[in-house]
Amino acid sequence: MAAHVLVVATSHNRLGPVAESAASPASPVPVPGAEPAAGPADAGLTGVWAEELAAPWLRLAAAGCRLTLASVQGGPIPFDPKSLPRAGRDGDAAADSVRQFFADRTAMQAVQATPAIATVDIADADAILLPGGHGTMWDLPQSAALAERIRRLLGRGGIVAALCHGPAGLAGVRSADGRPLVAGRRLTAFTDSEEEKVGLARTVPFLLESRLRALGADVVAGPDFQPHAVRDGNLVTGQNPASSEAVADLLLQALAERGEQVRAAE
């Protein structure tokens, strides 16, 4: 049977407290390349960083994985407007992967109607993947349903992968003995330096790298905005959007070692 990967996205669409986002519906699914350049109206919007969902999704689908897309609250997932490709960026690998993803009818059906993670049964899931985007910083750490499913999956030998700000979803998870799940684990995530350079270090509720270190994680940082992924057994993490495909490849490697049916990347 094909490996089953549960992808869990943020539902949070604003750079601000959960109450603000919860009062606003998720942004409608956009059409990359058809919209004008991001402007002042987009300044307070966030969500999933498109490449971090698109690139792993395409890679995993090509390897024959069965994919389920869920979100924290359910319903359409929001995308950060700044992550959507604009006209004139043909040949940009990140933009091309996002366009390919948005042209996939099955993917778009999944994006428009995600189940809430609290309603998802993970009995046959082999892995959980947490794509990033700044929205994750507000709702993933607060989701008890996500934390419980991550703990259960890892407890039975499943794999968890998290990308860029996605490791925020690991920050609120405790092991059976009460210790932080990340304590003593080798991982990476969007760094404090990268957060400073994108100008949001004083906007996010916490600095992810610093929080993970405070929880006891062995955070291994690569150069800013360059591909960098780390695997520590059944935990796979990537530092930034440029690490999207590398995370997918390490996840496929871990699935294959676990005996799951995956095809080699072409």
Protein backbone atom coordinates (compact mmCIF):
# COMPACT_ATOMS: atom_id res chain seq x y z
CA MET A 1 0.00 0.00 0.00
CA ALA A 2 1.23 3.51 -0.80
CA ALA A 3 2.61 5.57 2.05
CA HIS A 4 0.03 7.94 3.55
CA VAL A 5 1.23 11.44 4.40
CA LEU A 6 -1.01 13.83 6.34
CA VAL A 7 -0.16 17.45 5.53
CA VAL A 8 -1.36 19.92 8.17
CA ALA A 9 -1.49 23.61 7.24
CA THR A 10 -2.12 26.77 9.21
CA SER A 11 -5.55 28.39 9.18
CA HIS A 12 -4.18 31.72 10.43
CA ASN A 13 -4.29 34.50 7.85
CA ARG A 14 -3.13 37.63 9.67
CA LEU A 15 0.07 38.86 11.24
CA GLY A 16 -1.49 39.25 14.66
CA PRO A 17 -3.18 37.48 17.55
CA VAL A 18 -5.35 34.43 17.07
CA ALA A 19 -8.52 36.42 17.87
CA GLU A 20 -7.99 38.65 14.83
CA SER A 21 -7.45 35.71 12.51
CA ALA A 22 -10.30 33.66 13.94
CA ALA A 23 -12.70 36.49 13.20
CA SER A 24 -11.67 36.58 9.55
CA PRO A 25 -12.44 33.89 6.99
CA ALA A 26 -9.56 32.26 5.18
CA SER A 27 -8.46 34.11 2.08
CA PRO A 28 -9.96 32.81 -1.18
CA VAL A 29 -7.63 30.58 -3.14
CA PRO A 30 -5.75 32.85 -5.58
CA VAL A 31 -4.63 32.25 -9.13
CA PRO A 32 -0.83 32.67 -9.29
CA GLY A 33 0.30 34.96 -12.07
CA ALA A 34 -3.12 36.58 -12.44
CA GLU A 35 -2.85 38.94 -9.49
CA PRO A 36 -1.00 42.29 -9.26
CA ALA A 37 2.18 42.62 -7.24
CA ALA A 38 1.69 42.51 -3.48
CA GLY A 39 0.84 45.95 -2.17
CA PRO A 40 -0.16 47.75 1.05
CA ALA A 41 -3.44 45.82 1.27
CA ASP A 42 -1.46 42.59 1.65
CA ALA A 43 0.82 43.91 4.38
CA GLY A 44 -1.03 42.32 7.30
CA LEU A 45 -1.90 39.06 5.56
CA THR A 46 -0.15 35.74 5.99
CA GLY A 47 -0.92 32.04 5.82
CA VAL A 48 0.86 29.10 4.24
CA TRP A 49 4.00 29.91 2.24
CA ALA A 50 2.94 28.48 -1.11
CA GLU A 51 6.24 26.85 -2.11
CA GLU A 52 6.42 24.98 1.18
CA LEU A 53 3.14 23.24 0.43
CA ALA A 54 3.49 22.99 -3.36
CA ALA A 55 7.03 21.62 -3.75
CA PRO A 56 6.75 18.79 -1.18
CA TRP A 57 3.23 17.93 -2.34
CA LEU A 58 4.37 17.51 -5.95
CA ARG A 59 7.46 15.53 -4.90
CA LEU A 60 5.50 13.19 -2.64
CA ALA A 61 2.72 12.72 -5.19
CA ALA A 62 5.29 11.83 -7.86
CA ALA A 63 6.68 9.21 -5.49
CA GLY A 64 3.25 7.59 -5.24
CA CYS A 65 2.33 8.77 -1.76
CA ARG A 66 -1.31 9.11 -0.76
CA LEU A 67 -1.77 12.68 0.46
CA THR A 68 -4.35 14.13 2.82
CA LEU A 69 -4.47 17.89 3.44
CA ALA A 70 -5.89 19.15 6.75
CA SER A 71 -5.67 22.45 8.60
CA VAL A 72 -6.01 23.69 12.15
CA GLN A 73 -9.57 25.03 11.82
CA GLY A 74 -10.73 23.34 8.60
CA GLY A 75 -12.07 24.93 5.42
CA PRO A 76 -10.04 26.74 2.73
CA ILE A 77 -6.45 27.38 3.70
CA PRO A 78 -4.97 30.90 3.38
CA PHE A 79 -1.83 31.59 1.37
CA ASP A 80 0.62 34.37 2.13
CA PRO A 81 0.22 36.80 -0.81
CA LYS A 82 3.97 37.39 -0.88
CA SER A 83 4.56 33.72 -1.64
CA LEU A 84 2.53 33.67 -4.85
CA PRO A 85 4.38 33.90 -8.16
CA ARG A 86 3.92 37.04 -10.21
CA ALA A 87 3.86 37.52 -13.96
CA GLY A 88 7.32 37.56 -15.50
CA ARG A 89 8.87 34.95 -13.20
CA ASP A 90 8.81 32.04 -15.64
CA GLY A 91 11.83 29.82 -15.09
CA ASP A 92 11.87 30.47 -11.35
CA ALA A 93 11.77 26.94 -9.89
CA ALA A 94 9.81 28.01 -6.80
CA ALA A 95 7.26 29.92 -8.85
CA ASP A 96 6.94 27.08 -11.35
CA SER A 97 6.24 24.52 -8.62
CA VAL A 98 3.53 26.76 -7.18
CA ARG A 99 1.92 27.24 -10.60
CA GLN A 100 1.99 23.49 -11.18
CA PHE A 101 0.39 22.91 -7.79
CA PHE A 102 -2.38 25.44 -8.44
CA ALA A 103 -3.04 23.83 -11.83
CA ASP A 104 -3.62 20.45 -10.17
CA ARG A 105 -7.37 19.95 -9.78
CA THR A 106 -7.01 17.37 -7.02
CA ALA A 107 -4.71 19.64 -5.02
CA MET A 108 -7.09 22.58 -5.42
CA GLN A 109 -10.04 20.53 -4.22
CA ALA A 110 -8.02 19.63 -1.15
CA VAL A 111 -6.98 23.26 -0.54
CA GLN A 112 -10.58 24.50 -0.72
CA ALA A 113 -12.09 22.02 1.73
CA THR A 114 -9.65 20.84 4.38
CA PRO A 115 -10.90 18.94 7.42
CA ALA A 116 -10.00 20.36 10.83
CA ILE A 117 -7.12 18.42 12.35
CA ALA A 118 -9.25 17.61 15.40
CA THR A 119 -11.53 15.52 13.14
CA VAL A 120 -8.76 13.60 11.34
CA ASP A 121 -8.11 9.95 12.19
CA ILE A 122 -4.40 9.19 11.84
CA ALA A 123 -4.73 5.43 12.29
CA ASP A 124 -3.29 4.71 8.83
CA ALA A 125 -1.01 7.75 8.52
CA ASP A 126 2.69 7.02 8.07
CA ALA A 127 3.88 10.62 8.32
CA ILE A 128 2.77 14.15 9.17
CA LEU A 129 4.17 17.11 7.22
CA LEU A 130 3.92 20.68 8.53
CA PRO A 131 4.56 23.31 5.83
CA GLY A 132 5.45 26.77 7.03
CA GLY A 133 4.36 30.33 6.51
CA HIS A 134 4.13 32.92 9.28
CA GLY A 135 0.55 31.91 10.09
CA THR A 136 1.88 28.75 11.73
CA MET A 137 3.46 30.82 14.50
CA TRP A 138 0.05 31.67 15.92
CA ASP A 139 -2.08 28.56 15.57
CA LEU A 140 0.12 25.47 15.30
CA PRO A 141 1.68 25.75 18.79
CA GLN A 142 -1.78 26.26 20.29
CA SER A 143 -3.39 23.21 18.67
CA ALA A 144 -3.83 20.47 21.25
CA ALA A 145 -5.29 18.23 18.52
CA LEU A 146 -2.16 18.57 16.39
CA ALA A 147 0.15 17.99 19.37
CA GLU A 148 -1.73 14.85 20.34
CA ARG A 149 -1.53 13.43 16.82
CA ILE A 150 2.17 14.19 16.49
CA ARG A 151 2.85 12.49 19.82
CA ARG A 152 0.80 9.41 18.86
CA LEU A 153 2.37 9.10 15.42
CA LEU A 154 5.94 9.33 16.71
CA GLY A 155 5.08 6.94 19.52
CA ARG A 156 4.28 4.20 17.02
CA GLY A 157 7.29 4.84 14.81
CA GLY A 158 5.78 7.26 12.31
CA ILE A 159 7.61 10.21 10.80
CA VAL A 160 7.12 13.92 11.34
CA ALA A 161 8.50 16.50 8.91
CA ALA A 162 8.31 20.27 9.40
CA LEU A 163 9.49 23.07 7.16
CA CYS A 164 10.59 26.66 7.83
CA HIS A 165 8.04 27.97 10.41
CA GLY A 166 6.34 24.55 10.46
CA PRO A 167 8.48 23.43 13.45
CA ALA A 168 6.38 25.88 15.49
CA GLY A 169 3.96 22.95 15.55
CA LEU A 170 6.54 20.96 17.51
CA ALA A 171 7.01 23.62 20.17
CA GLY A 172 3.87 22.71 22.10
CA VAL A 173 4.30 18.94 21.97
CA ARG A 174 5.35 17.00 25.06
CA SER A 175 6.63 13.44 25.17
CA ALA A 176 4.97 10.82 27.34
CA ASP A 177 7.38 11.69 30.17
CA GLY A 178 6.37 15.37 30.06
CA ARG A 179 9.57 16.63 28.44
CA PRO A 180 9.43 18.84 25.35
CA LEU A 181 9.32 16.63 22.26
CA VAL A 182 12.22 18.54 20.71
CA ALA A 183 14.53 18.23 23.74
CA GLY A 184 17.75 16.60 22.62
CA ARG A 185 16.59 16.35 18.99
CA ARG A 186 18.75 17.60 16.13
CA LEU A 187 16.70 19.86 13.88
CA THR A 188 16.52 23.12 11.98
CA ALA A 189 13.92 25.86 11.43
CA PHE A 190 13.58 29.44 10.20
CA THR A 191 16.38 31.20 12.05
CA ASP A 192 16.33 34.34 14.16
CA SER A 193 18.67 35.92 11.61
CA GLU A 194 16.28 35.16 8.77
CA GLU A 195 13.36 36.56 10.79
CA GLU A 196 15.30 39.79 11.34
CA LYS A 197 16.09 40.04 7.64
CA VAL A 198 12.44 39.65 6.58
CA GLY A 199 11.48 42.35 9.08
CA LEU A 200 9.12 40.30 11.25
CA ALA A 201 11.23 39.58 14.32
CA ARG A 202 9.11 42.01 16.36
CA THR A 203 5.83 40.88 14.84
CA VAL A 204 5.82 37.13 15.43
CA PRO A 205 4.76 35.96 18.90
CA PHE A 206 8.19 34.40 19.47
CA LEU A 207 11.42 33.75 17.60
CA LEU A 208 11.25 30.14 16.49
CA GLU A 209 14.94 29.28 16.64
CA SER A 210 15.25 30.77 20.13
CA ARG A 211 12.12 28.98 21.36
CA LEU A 212 13.29 25.60 20.07
CA ARG A 213 16.72 26.08 21.69
CA ALA A 214 15.04 27.04 24.96
CA LEU A 215 13.08 23.79 24.80
CA GLY A 216 16.32 21.84 24.54
CA ALA A 217 16.56 21.27 20.80
CA ASP A 218 19.93 21.02 19.07
CA VAL A 219 19.19 23.58 16.34
CA VAL A 220 21.57 23.27 13.39
CA ALA A 221 21.38 26.43 11.29
CA GLY A 222 22.62 26.73 7.73
CA PRO A 223 23.31 29.92 5.77
CA ASP A 224 20.36 32.30 5.61
CA PHE A 225 17.83 31.52 2.86
CA GLN A 226 19.88 28.63 1.45
CA PRO A 227 18.64 25.03 1.21
CA HIS A 228 19.24 23.19 4.49
CA ALA A 229 17.43 20.12 5.79
CA VAL A 230 18.17 17.87 8.75
CA ARG A 231 17.04 14.35 9.56
CA ASP A 232 17.21 12.96 13.09
CA GLY A 233 15.70 9.50 12.83
CA ASN A 234 11.97 9.92 12.36
CA LEU A 235 12.10 13.72 12.59
CA VAL A 236 12.80 15.71 9.40
CA THR A 237 13.10 19.51 9.36
CA GLY A 238 13.96 22.21 6.84
CA GLN A 239 15.16 25.75 7.48
CA ASN A 240 13.36 27.86 4.89
CA PRO A 241 11.35 27.78 1.64
CA ALA A 242 14.46 26.88 -0.36
CA SER A 243 14.62 23.65 1.65
CA SER A 244 11.18 22.43 0.51
CA GLU A 245 12.33 19.73 -1.90
CA ALA A 246 15.14 18.61 0.38
CA VAL A 247 12.62 18.02 3.18
CA ALA A 248 10.43 15.98 0.82
CA ASP A 249 13.43 13.90 -0.24
CA LEU A 250 14.46 13.16 3.36
CA LEU A 251 10.87 12.28 4.21
CA LEU A 252 10.75 9.85 1.29
CA GLN A 253 14.06 8.36 2.44
CA ALA A 254 12.66 7.84 5.94
CA LEU A 255 9.46 6.29 4.56
CA ALA A 256 11.44 3.89 2.36
CA GLU A 257 13.60 2.81 5.30
CA ARG A 258 10.41 2.15 7.24
CA GLY A 259 9.31 -0.21 4.48
CA GLU A 260 6.66 2.02 2.93
CA GLN A 261 6.03 1.91 -0.81
CA VAL A 262 7.54 5.00 -2.43
CA ARG A 263 9.02 5.56 -5.86
CA ALA A 264 12.46 7.09 -6.32
CA ALA A 265 12.51 10.70 -7.47
CA GLU A 266 13.05 11.08 -11.20
